[in-house]
Amino acid sequence: MDKFETLTGIAAPLPLINIDTDMIIPKQFLKTIKRSGLGVNLFDEMRYNDDGSENENFVLNKPAYRDAEIIVAGDNFGCGSSREHAPWALLDFGIRAVIAPSFADIFYNNCFKNGILPVVLPQEQVDALMKDAENGANARLTVDLESQTVTGADGTTYAFEVDAFKKHCLLNGLDDIGLTQEKAPSIAAFEARMTQERPWV
């Protein structure tokens, strides 16, 4: 998993509440167990017309936001079913941070396990960042995990809270497998000791 330290990038405004995981990645794309290739279907039902052509009015199809790395969204982002494909799709598109007033718990935790930083800020601060994001590619936001701040295009800084353990994992690029691998020497030492003490096992 890639580390998340500081990100300065284009933020796409998505001023909708209750964006659920089926909106993020519809159920017909859940057949794969690969983490790659889902970005093309991110927000599929809003992003494409019935004939498969792009909906030019959807934010991520607009030239200014095609390279967005941050989403500024409404309340309760990631609600609905607990599909891990949702953060996979966001990451595969290139999204590394989502800023919203609140997140669904399972989605929030899945983000950290997949290299995405979900940032919770008060509604009025999200509204200010949403206005920044509406200025397109000319307005970039900076998300700094170490200092736990988001800096708007005008230089205004907003502080956010994050669990210390989740912060450690994301700063160091540690998912569940990475955390286990950190303990590899201890595991190997335990197995060697058990082989000596209990050779019959």
Protein backbone atom coordinates (compact mmCIF):
# COMPACT_ATOMS: atom_id res chain seq x y z
CA MET A 1 0.00 0.00 0.00
CA ASP A 2 1.29 3.47 -0.88
CA LYS A 3 2.09 5.82 1.97
CA PHE A 4 0.03 8.94 2.49
CA GLU A 5 1.98 11.90 3.81
CA THR A 6 1.12 15.17 2.06
CA LEU A 7 -1.08 15.56 -1.00
CA THR A 8 -1.55 18.73 -3.01
CA GLY A 9 -4.00 18.23 -5.81
CA ILE A 10 -7.15 19.15 -7.66
CA ALA A 11 -10.31 18.69 -5.61
CA ALA A 12 -13.56 17.73 -7.30
CA PRO A 13 -16.74 19.14 -5.72
CA LEU A 14 -19.47 16.56 -5.21
CA PRO A 15 -22.10 18.37 -3.11
CA LEU A 16 -24.39 15.40 -2.55
CA ILE A 17 -25.35 13.79 0.73
CA ASN A 18 -25.67 10.02 1.30
CA ILE A 19 -23.39 8.99 -1.57
CA ASP A 20 -23.59 5.24 -1.07
CA THR A 21 -21.20 2.53 -2.15
CA ASP A 22 -23.51 1.45 -4.99
CA MET A 23 -23.23 4.95 -6.43
CA ILE A 24 -19.45 4.80 -6.02
CA ILE A 25 -19.15 1.41 -7.75
CA PRO A 26 -22.39 -0.30 -8.89
CA LYS A 27 -23.00 -3.93 -7.97
CA GLN A 28 -22.44 -5.30 -11.49
CA PHE A 29 -18.74 -4.47 -11.20
CA LEU A 30 -18.16 -6.45 -7.99
CA LYS A 31 -17.25 -9.72 -9.70
CA THR A 32 -13.52 -9.01 -9.65
CA ILE A 33 -11.25 -9.51 -6.66
CA LYS A 34 -8.55 -7.38 -8.25
CA ARG A 35 -7.99 -3.88 -6.90
CA SER A 36 -7.13 -2.50 -10.32
CA GLY A 37 -9.36 -1.68 -13.27
CA LEU A 38 -12.33 -0.34 -11.34
CA GLY A 39 -11.55 3.34 -11.80
CA VAL A 40 -13.21 3.44 -15.20
CA ASN A 41 -16.50 2.48 -13.53
CA LEU A 42 -16.25 4.87 -10.60
CA PHE A 43 -19.63 6.64 -10.22
CA ASP A 44 -20.68 4.72 -13.33
CA GLU A 45 -24.39 5.57 -13.29
CA MET A 46 -23.76 9.29 -12.90
CA ARG A 47 -20.69 9.39 -15.11
CA TYR A 48 -22.10 7.70 -18.23
CA ASN A 49 -25.25 8.02 -20.31
CA ASP A 50 -27.40 5.01 -21.18
CA ASP A 51 -25.59 4.64 -24.51
CA GLY A 52 -22.21 4.43 -22.76
CA SER A 53 -21.10 7.93 -23.68
CA GLU A 54 -19.79 10.27 -21.01
CA ASN A 55 -22.20 12.55 -19.20
CA GLU A 56 -20.45 15.86 -19.81
CA ASN A 57 -22.22 17.42 -16.83
CA PHE A 58 -20.74 15.03 -14.28
CA VAL A 59 -17.86 16.63 -12.41
CA LEU A 60 -15.18 13.99 -13.08
CA ASN A 61 -15.87 14.20 -16.83
CA LYS A 62 -15.15 17.92 -16.92
CA PRO A 63 -11.65 18.77 -18.19
CA ALA A 64 -10.73 20.64 -14.98
CA TYR A 65 -11.40 17.57 -12.81
CA ARG A 66 -10.23 14.60 -14.87
CA ASP A 67 -7.03 14.49 -12.81
CA ALA A 68 -8.68 15.13 -9.45
CA GLU A 69 -7.02 13.44 -6.47
CA ILE A 70 -9.38 14.78 -3.81
CA ILE A 71 -13.17 14.76 -3.52
CA VAL A 72 -15.07 17.25 -1.38
CA ALA A 73 -18.46 15.73 -0.66
CA GLY A 74 -21.62 15.96 1.41
CA ASP A 75 -22.60 14.25 4.63
CA ASN A 76 -22.61 10.45 5.15
CA PHE A 77 -20.23 9.57 2.31
CA GLY A 78 -19.82 5.83 1.68
CA CYS A 79 -23.05 4.65 3.27
CA GLY A 80 -24.83 1.51 2.09
CA SER A 81 -23.30 -1.93 1.66
CA SER A 82 -19.82 -2.66 2.99
CA ARG A 83 -18.12 -3.32 -0.35
CA GLU A 84 -14.36 -2.79 -0.30
CA HIS A 85 -14.58 -2.28 -4.06
CA ALA A 86 -15.67 1.32 -3.32
CA PRO A 87 -12.27 2.51 -2.07
CA TRP A 88 -10.61 0.31 -4.71
CA ALA A 89 -12.50 2.20 -7.44
CA LEU A 90 -11.67 5.60 -5.95
CA LEU A 91 -7.99 4.72 -5.64
CA ASP A 92 -7.80 3.25 -9.14
CA PHE A 93 -9.22 6.48 -10.54
CA GLY A 94 -6.57 8.43 -8.63
CA ILE A 95 -8.49 9.69 -5.59
CA ARG A 96 -6.29 9.69 -2.47
CA ALA A 97 -8.43 11.79 -0.11
CA VAL A 98 -12.13 12.44 0.49
CA ILE A 99 -13.29 15.37 2.61
CA ALA A 100 -16.80 15.30 4.07
CA PRO A 101 -18.73 16.17 7.25
CA SER A 102 -19.17 12.44 8.01
CA PHE A 103 -18.56 8.96 6.61
CA ALA A 104 -20.18 5.57 7.02
CA ASP A 105 -18.05 3.61 9.51
CA ILE A 106 -17.16 0.58 7.37
CA PHE A 107 -16.27 2.70 4.34
CA TYR A 108 -14.21 5.02 6.57
CA ASN A 109 -12.16 2.12 7.92
CA ASN A 110 -11.78 0.52 4.48
CA CYS A 111 -10.26 3.76 3.18
CA PHE A 112 -7.37 3.56 5.63
CA LYS A 113 -6.73 -0.06 4.66
CA ASN A 114 -6.45 0.93 1.00
CA GLY A 115 -4.32 4.08 1.12
CA ILE A 116 -7.08 6.69 1.06
CA LEU A 117 -7.42 9.39 3.72
CA PRO A 118 -11.02 10.22 4.71
CA VAL A 119 -11.07 13.66 6.34
CA VAL A 120 -13.94 14.68 8.61
CA LEU A 121 -14.50 18.43 8.95
CA PRO A 122 -17.44 20.54 10.18
CA GLN A 123 -20.04 21.40 7.57
CA GLU A 124 -19.07 25.06 7.35
CA GLN A 125 -15.44 24.15 6.65
CA VAL A 126 -16.48 21.59 4.04
CA ASP A 127 -18.65 24.30 2.45
CA ALA A 128 -15.63 26.63 2.23
CA LEU A 129 -13.49 23.91 0.64
CA MET A 130 -16.36 23.06 -1.71
CA LYS A 131 -16.26 26.65 -2.97
CA ASP A 132 -12.51 26.31 -3.49
CA ALA A 133 -13.04 23.07 -5.41
CA GLU A 134 -15.62 24.73 -7.66
CA ASN A 135 -12.83 26.93 -9.04
CA GLY A 136 -11.46 23.93 -10.94
CA ALA A 137 -7.84 23.12 -11.67
CA ASN A 138 -6.75 26.62 -10.67
CA ALA A 139 -7.61 25.89 -7.05
CA ARG A 140 -5.63 23.14 -5.35
CA LEU A 141 -6.05 21.83 -1.83
CA THR A 142 -3.28 20.45 0.35
CA VAL A 143 -4.00 17.58 2.74
CA ASP A 144 -1.21 17.00 5.28
CA LEU A 145 -1.66 13.86 7.36
CA GLU A 146 1.35 14.47 9.59
CA SER A 147 0.08 17.87 10.72
CA GLN A 148 -3.58 16.81 10.34
CA THR A 149 -4.51 19.86 8.31
CA VAL A 150 -6.25 20.75 5.07
CA THR A 151 -5.17 24.00 3.44
CA GLY A 152 -7.52 25.73 1.05
CA ALA A 153 -6.63 27.62 -2.10
CA ASP A 154 -6.58 30.92 -0.19
CA GLY A 155 -4.20 29.57 2.44
CA THR A 156 -6.82 28.99 5.14
CA THR A 157 -5.92 25.92 7.20
CA TYR A 158 -8.41 23.54 8.79
CA ALA A 159 -7.40 20.97 11.42
CA PHE A 160 -8.89 17.49 11.50
CA GLU A 161 -8.77 14.59 13.94
CA VAL A 162 -7.61 11.09 13.08
CA ASP A 163 -7.03 7.97 15.15
CA ALA A 164 -3.33 7.66 16.04
CA PHE A 165 -3.08 4.01 14.94
CA LYS A 166 -4.81 4.65 11.60
CA LYS A 167 -2.54 7.65 11.07
CA HIS A 168 0.56 5.53 11.75
CA CYS A 169 -0.58 2.87 9.29
CA LEU A 170 -1.34 5.34 6.50
CA LEU A 171 1.86 7.35 6.99
CA ASN A 172 3.85 4.13 6.73
CA GLY A 173 1.80 2.44 4.00
CA LEU A 174 0.73 -0.42 6.24
CA ASP A 175 -2.39 -2.43 5.45
CA ASP A 176 -3.34 -5.55 7.45
CA ILE A 177 -0.74 -7.64 5.60
CA GLY A 178 1.91 -4.99 6.11
CA LEU A 179 1.18 -4.89 9.83
CA THR A 180 1.66 -8.65 10.02
CA GLN A 181 4.91 -8.45 8.04
CA GLU A 182 6.22 -5.90 10.54
CA LYS A 183 6.02 -8.69 13.13
CA ALA A 184 7.81 -11.23 10.91
CA PRO A 185 10.98 -11.44 13.08
CA SER A 186 8.89 -12.03 16.23
CA ILE A 187 6.77 -14.64 14.45
CA ALA A 188 9.87 -16.43 13.15
CA ALA A 189 11.47 -16.39 16.62
CA PHE A 190 8.28 -17.80 18.16
CA GLU A 191 8.09 -20.59 15.57
CA ALA A 192 11.75 -21.49 16.12
CA ARG A 193 11.24 -21.61 19.88
CA MET A 194 8.12 -23.75 19.54
CA THR A 195 10.00 -26.14 17.24
CA GLN A 196 12.61 -26.62 19.98
CA GLU A 197 10.16 -26.82 22.87
CA ARG A 198 7.44 -28.86 21.13
CA PRO A 199 9.03 -30.81 18.27
CA TRP A 200 6.01 -33.12 18.14
CA VAL A 201 3.66 -30.33 17.06
